[in-house]
Amino acid sequence: MIKVAIVRDESPYGERSYKTIRQKFETKLIHIESPSGVFIDNINLDKKIIDNLSKFDIIITYIKQADMTLEIVENLHNKVSWIIIGIWKGEGFKNQLLKYKNVSVPDVLCELESHENQDYNEFVSKFGKPEIKINCQNERIIDIEVLKSSPCGATNFVANGLIGKKVKGSAKLAGLRVQHYPCKSHKIELFATDEESHKQLASKLHHDAVKKALNENLKKFSKN
């Protein structure tokens, strides 16, 4: 089983992901100190931190300090299977990080999908783009099984709120419920329009997951 490290330099970033991911994988939440300021000329990452993080297969960063994020990637990309950047700022910075072939820089962590990397695939088999299974009776949802959750736990939050609801309108309700789950896995210091677009993306992913599950449930009964 893979080991996951969630690295942050400020609370409460990463806490919900830690609580969610540790239910499936061995996971540790690691806090490091970043220097103040947006960009710093020289950052020397402590060798003890590098040695500690190199023991993990997957690293998820919730580092607000951009140069510290880059320092972690530069020092550890060849020591771990995969690095996922949980928060970031700027397309230029994103492109810089994507030069490393085992680094993901998603707008939201609930859009993560499979890749040829074995450890990364094991992770996204449980966390990433949401997948659910729904059972309905008398036009109401009676049970939901979360097959794949967003790392922050929003999928479980959505699923719990749909049990007992009418089938009609439940996909739209799923999208709305994501808005009430303040996930921290997005870019930092966004323009309002950017933040709204990421909320809409998370909402659409959960809306689509519910819609797909309802269609699968309908197909199952139509065959009987």
Protein backbone atom coordinates (compact mmCIF):
# COMPACT_ATOMS: atom_id res chain seq x y z
CA MET A 1 0.00 0.00 0.00
CA ILE A 2 1.26 3.47 -0.85
CA LYS A 3 2.29 6.03 1.74
CA VAL A 4 1.06 9.63 1.39
CA ALA A 5 2.58 12.79 2.87
CA ILE A 6 0.54 15.99 3.05
CA VAL A 7 2.87 18.97 3.46
CA ARG A 8 1.74 22.45 4.48
CA ASP A 9 3.23 25.66 5.80
CA GLU A 10 0.02 27.13 7.24
CA SER A 11 -3.10 25.86 9.01
CA PRO A 12 -5.78 24.79 8.21
CA TYR A 13 -4.59 23.78 4.72
CA GLY A 14 -4.50 20.02 4.19
CA GLU A 15 -6.45 19.04 7.30
CA ARG A 16 -9.54 17.79 5.50
CA SER A 17 -7.49 15.94 2.91
CA TYR A 18 -5.50 14.32 5.71
CA LYS A 19 -8.65 13.16 7.52
CA THR A 20 -10.11 11.80 4.28
CA ILE A 21 -7.05 10.14 2.73
CA ARG A 22 -5.89 8.42 5.92
CA GLN A 23 -9.07 6.32 5.80
CA LYS A 24 -7.62 4.48 2.78
CA PHE A 25 -3.84 4.95 2.87
CA GLU A 26 -1.08 5.41 5.42
CA THR A 27 -0.95 9.21 5.59
CA LYS A 28 1.00 11.79 7.53
CA LEU A 29 0.38 15.54 7.85
CA ILE A 30 3.71 17.38 7.94
CA HIS A 31 4.04 21.07 8.80
CA ILE A 32 7.10 22.99 7.63
CA GLU A 33 8.13 26.59 8.08
CA SER A 34 8.37 28.76 4.97
CA PRO A 35 10.20 32.10 4.90
CA SER A 36 7.98 35.16 4.76
CA GLY A 37 7.35 36.90 1.45
CA VAL A 38 5.88 35.79 -1.84
CA PHE A 39 9.18 35.04 -3.60
CA ILE A 40 12.52 34.39 -1.88
CA ASP A 41 15.84 34.24 -3.71
CA ASN A 42 17.38 31.39 -1.75
CA ILE A 43 15.62 28.59 0.13
CA ASN A 44 17.58 25.74 1.63
CA LEU A 45 15.25 22.89 2.51
CA ASP A 46 16.43 21.07 5.62
CA LYS A 47 18.04 17.72 4.74
CA LYS A 48 16.03 16.05 7.50
CA ILE A 49 12.82 17.18 5.79
CA ILE A 50 14.03 15.85 2.43
CA ASP A 51 15.01 12.52 3.98
CA ASN A 52 11.67 12.25 5.76
CA LEU A 53 9.57 13.09 2.70
CA SER A 54 11.57 10.75 0.45
CA LYS A 55 10.11 7.83 2.45
CA PHE A 56 6.66 8.50 0.98
CA ASP A 57 5.28 7.46 -2.40
CA ILE A 58 2.90 10.39 -2.94
CA ILE A 59 3.39 13.97 -1.73
CA ILE A 60 0.55 16.48 -1.72
CA THR A 61 1.67 20.06 -1.10
CA TYR A 62 -0.43 22.77 0.50
CA ILE A 63 2.42 25.29 0.54
CA LYS A 64 1.45 28.95 0.16
CA GLN A 65 5.04 30.10 -0.38
CA ALA A 66 5.78 29.58 -4.09
CA ASP A 67 9.54 29.14 -3.85
CA MET A 68 9.16 26.59 -1.07
CA THR A 69 6.80 24.59 -3.29
CA LEU A 70 9.36 24.66 -6.09
CA GLU A 71 12.15 23.72 -3.67
CA ILE A 72 10.20 20.65 -2.54
CA VAL A 73 9.54 19.59 -6.14
CA GLU A 74 13.15 20.11 -7.22
CA ASN A 75 14.52 18.11 -4.28
CA LEU A 76 11.99 15.30 -4.24
CA HIS A 77 10.63 14.69 -7.74
CA ASN A 78 13.29 12.02 -8.34
CA LYS A 79 12.89 10.46 -4.87
CA VAL A 80 9.11 9.85 -4.80
CA SER A 81 6.62 8.44 -7.30
CA TRP A 82 4.38 11.49 -7.63
CA ILE A 83 3.83 15.02 -6.34
CA ILE A 84 0.42 16.74 -6.37
CA ILE A 85 0.32 20.52 -5.96
CA GLY A 86 -2.74 21.34 -3.85
CA ILE A 87 -2.50 25.15 -3.98
CA TRP A 88 -0.65 27.37 -6.42
CA LYS A 89 -0.78 30.75 -8.11
CA GLY A 90 -0.19 31.80 -11.72
CA GLU A 91 -0.07 29.97 -15.05
CA GLY A 92 3.66 30.64 -15.39
CA PHE A 93 4.33 28.93 -12.08
CA LYS A 94 2.07 26.04 -13.10
CA ASN A 95 4.00 25.55 -16.35
CA GLN A 96 7.26 25.64 -14.44
CA LEU A 97 6.05 22.82 -12.18
CA LEU A 98 4.69 20.76 -15.07
CA LYS A 99 8.18 20.47 -16.54
CA TYR A 100 8.57 17.62 -14.06
CA LYS A 101 6.86 14.55 -15.49
CA ASN A 102 5.62 13.21 -12.15
CA VAL A 103 3.95 16.42 -10.93
CA SER A 104 0.23 17.26 -11.14
CA VAL A 105 -1.01 20.85 -10.85
CA PRO A 106 -4.82 20.63 -10.90
CA ASP A 107 -7.24 23.53 -10.54
CA VAL A 108 -9.14 21.37 -8.05
CA LEU A 109 -8.04 18.04 -6.63
CA CYS A 110 -11.39 16.47 -7.50
CA GLU A 111 -10.37 16.48 -11.18
CA LEU A 112 -7.45 14.06 -10.75
CA GLU A 113 -7.58 11.10 -13.17
CA SER A 114 -5.50 8.03 -13.91
CA HIS A 115 -1.96 7.99 -15.31
CA GLU A 116 0.51 5.26 -16.23
CA ASN A 117 2.38 5.69 -12.92
CA GLN A 118 1.47 2.73 -10.70
CA ASP A 119 1.56 4.49 -7.31
CA TYR A 120 -0.31 7.50 -8.63
CA ASN A 121 -2.94 5.19 -10.15
CA GLU A 122 -3.37 3.46 -6.80
CA PHE A 123 -4.01 6.84 -5.22
CA VAL A 124 -6.50 8.02 -7.86
CA SER A 125 -8.35 4.71 -7.68
CA LYS A 126 -9.67 6.05 -4.36
CA PHE A 127 -9.30 9.82 -4.63
CA GLY A 128 -9.78 12.28 -7.47
CA LYS A 129 -12.60 12.68 -9.98
CA PRO A 130 -15.67 11.57 -7.98
CA GLU A 131 -17.39 8.28 -8.72
CA ILE A 132 -20.46 7.02 -6.87
CA LYS A 133 -23.06 4.27 -6.98
CA ILE A 134 -26.70 5.10 -6.26
CA ASN A 135 -29.65 2.88 -5.33
CA CYS A 136 -33.14 4.30 -5.81
CA GLN A 137 -36.60 3.23 -4.72
CA ASN A 138 -39.93 4.91 -5.44
CA GLU A 139 -38.19 7.87 -7.12
CA ARG A 140 -36.01 8.52 -4.07
CA ILE A 141 -32.35 7.86 -3.34
CA ILE A 142 -32.13 5.23 -0.61
CA ASP A 143 -28.39 4.51 -0.62
CA ILE A 144 -25.17 5.95 -2.02
CA GLU A 145 -21.76 4.26 -2.14
CA VAL A 146 -18.76 6.52 -2.73
CA LEU A 147 -16.40 4.62 -5.02
CA LYS A 148 -13.95 7.49 -5.45
CA SER A 149 -13.94 10.64 -3.34
CA SER A 150 -12.46 14.06 -3.80
CA PRO A 151 -9.36 14.20 -1.56
CA CYS A 152 -10.92 16.93 0.59
CA GLY A 153 -13.94 14.77 1.45
CA ALA A 154 -16.54 16.84 -0.40
CA THR A 155 -17.93 13.76 -2.18
CA ASN A 156 -18.90 12.11 1.09
CA PHE A 157 -20.47 15.39 2.23
CA VAL A 158 -22.51 15.51 -0.97
CA ALA A 159 -23.53 11.84 -0.79
CA ASN A 160 -24.73 12.05 2.81
CA GLY A 161 -26.97 14.98 1.91
CA LEU A 162 -28.64 13.16 -0.99
CA ILE A 163 -29.91 10.08 0.83
CA GLY A 164 -33.70 10.26 1.02
CA LYS A 165 -33.93 13.00 -1.60
CA LYS A 166 -36.02 12.78 -4.76
CA VAL A 167 -34.20 11.52 -7.83
CA LYS A 168 -35.41 14.48 -9.88
CA GLY A 169 -33.12 17.42 -9.25
CA SER A 170 -30.59 15.43 -7.19
CA ALA A 171 -27.71 16.03 -9.63
CA LYS A 172 -28.26 19.78 -9.40
CA LEU A 173 -28.50 19.50 -5.62
CA ALA A 174 -25.16 17.69 -5.56
CA GLY A 175 -23.52 20.60 -7.35
CA LEU A 176 -25.06 23.07 -4.93
CA ARG A 177 -23.93 21.12 -1.85
CA VAL A 178 -20.30 21.37 -2.94
CA GLN A 179 -20.65 25.16 -2.60
CA HIS A 180 -21.32 24.65 1.12
CA TYR A 181 -18.17 22.59 1.63
CA PRO A 182 -15.25 25.04 1.94
CA CYS A 183 -12.52 22.93 0.38
CA LYS A 184 -9.03 24.46 0.48
CA SER A 185 -7.67 22.67 -2.60
CA HIS A 186 -7.57 25.57 -5.04
CA LYS A 187 -5.29 28.37 -6.11
CA ILE A 188 -4.36 30.96 -3.54
CA GLU A 189 -5.10 34.69 -3.70
CA LEU A 190 -7.47 34.33 -6.64
CA PHE A 191 -9.42 36.94 -8.45
CA ALA A 192 -13.08 36.47 -7.58
CA THR A 193 -13.87 35.23 -11.09
CA ASP A 194 -11.14 32.56 -10.88
CA GLU A 195 -12.31 31.33 -7.49
CA GLU A 196 -15.87 31.14 -8.76
CA SER A 197 -14.76 29.15 -11.81
CA HIS A 198 -13.07 26.58 -9.58
CA LYS A 199 -16.18 26.28 -7.42
CA GLN A 200 -18.15 25.74 -10.58
CA LEU A 201 -15.71 23.07 -11.74
CA ALA A 202 -16.01 21.17 -8.44
CA SER A 203 -19.79 21.52 -8.63
CA LYS A 204 -19.90 20.24 -12.21
CA LEU A 205 -17.73 17.22 -11.39
CA HIS A 206 -20.07 16.18 -8.58
CA HIS A 207 -23.18 17.00 -10.61
CA ASP A 208 -21.87 14.76 -13.41
CA ALA A 209 -20.96 11.96 -10.99
CA VAL A 210 -24.51 11.89 -9.58
CA LYS A 211 -26.07 12.08 -13.04
CA LYS A 212 -23.92 9.19 -14.28
CA ALA A 213 -24.74 7.08 -11.22
CA LEU A 214 -28.47 7.70 -11.66
CA ASN A 215 -28.25 6.66 -15.31
CA GLU A 216 -26.39 3.48 -14.34
CA ASN A 217 -29.07 2.72 -11.74
CA LEU A 218 -31.78 3.24 -14.36
CA LYS A 219 -30.01 0.91 -16.82
CA LYS A 220 -29.75 -1.78 -14.18
CA PHE A 221 -33.49 -1.81 -13.53
CA SER A 222 -34.43 -1.49 -17.20
CA LYS A 223 -32.60 -4.75 -17.90
CA ASN A 224 -34.58 -6.62 -15.22
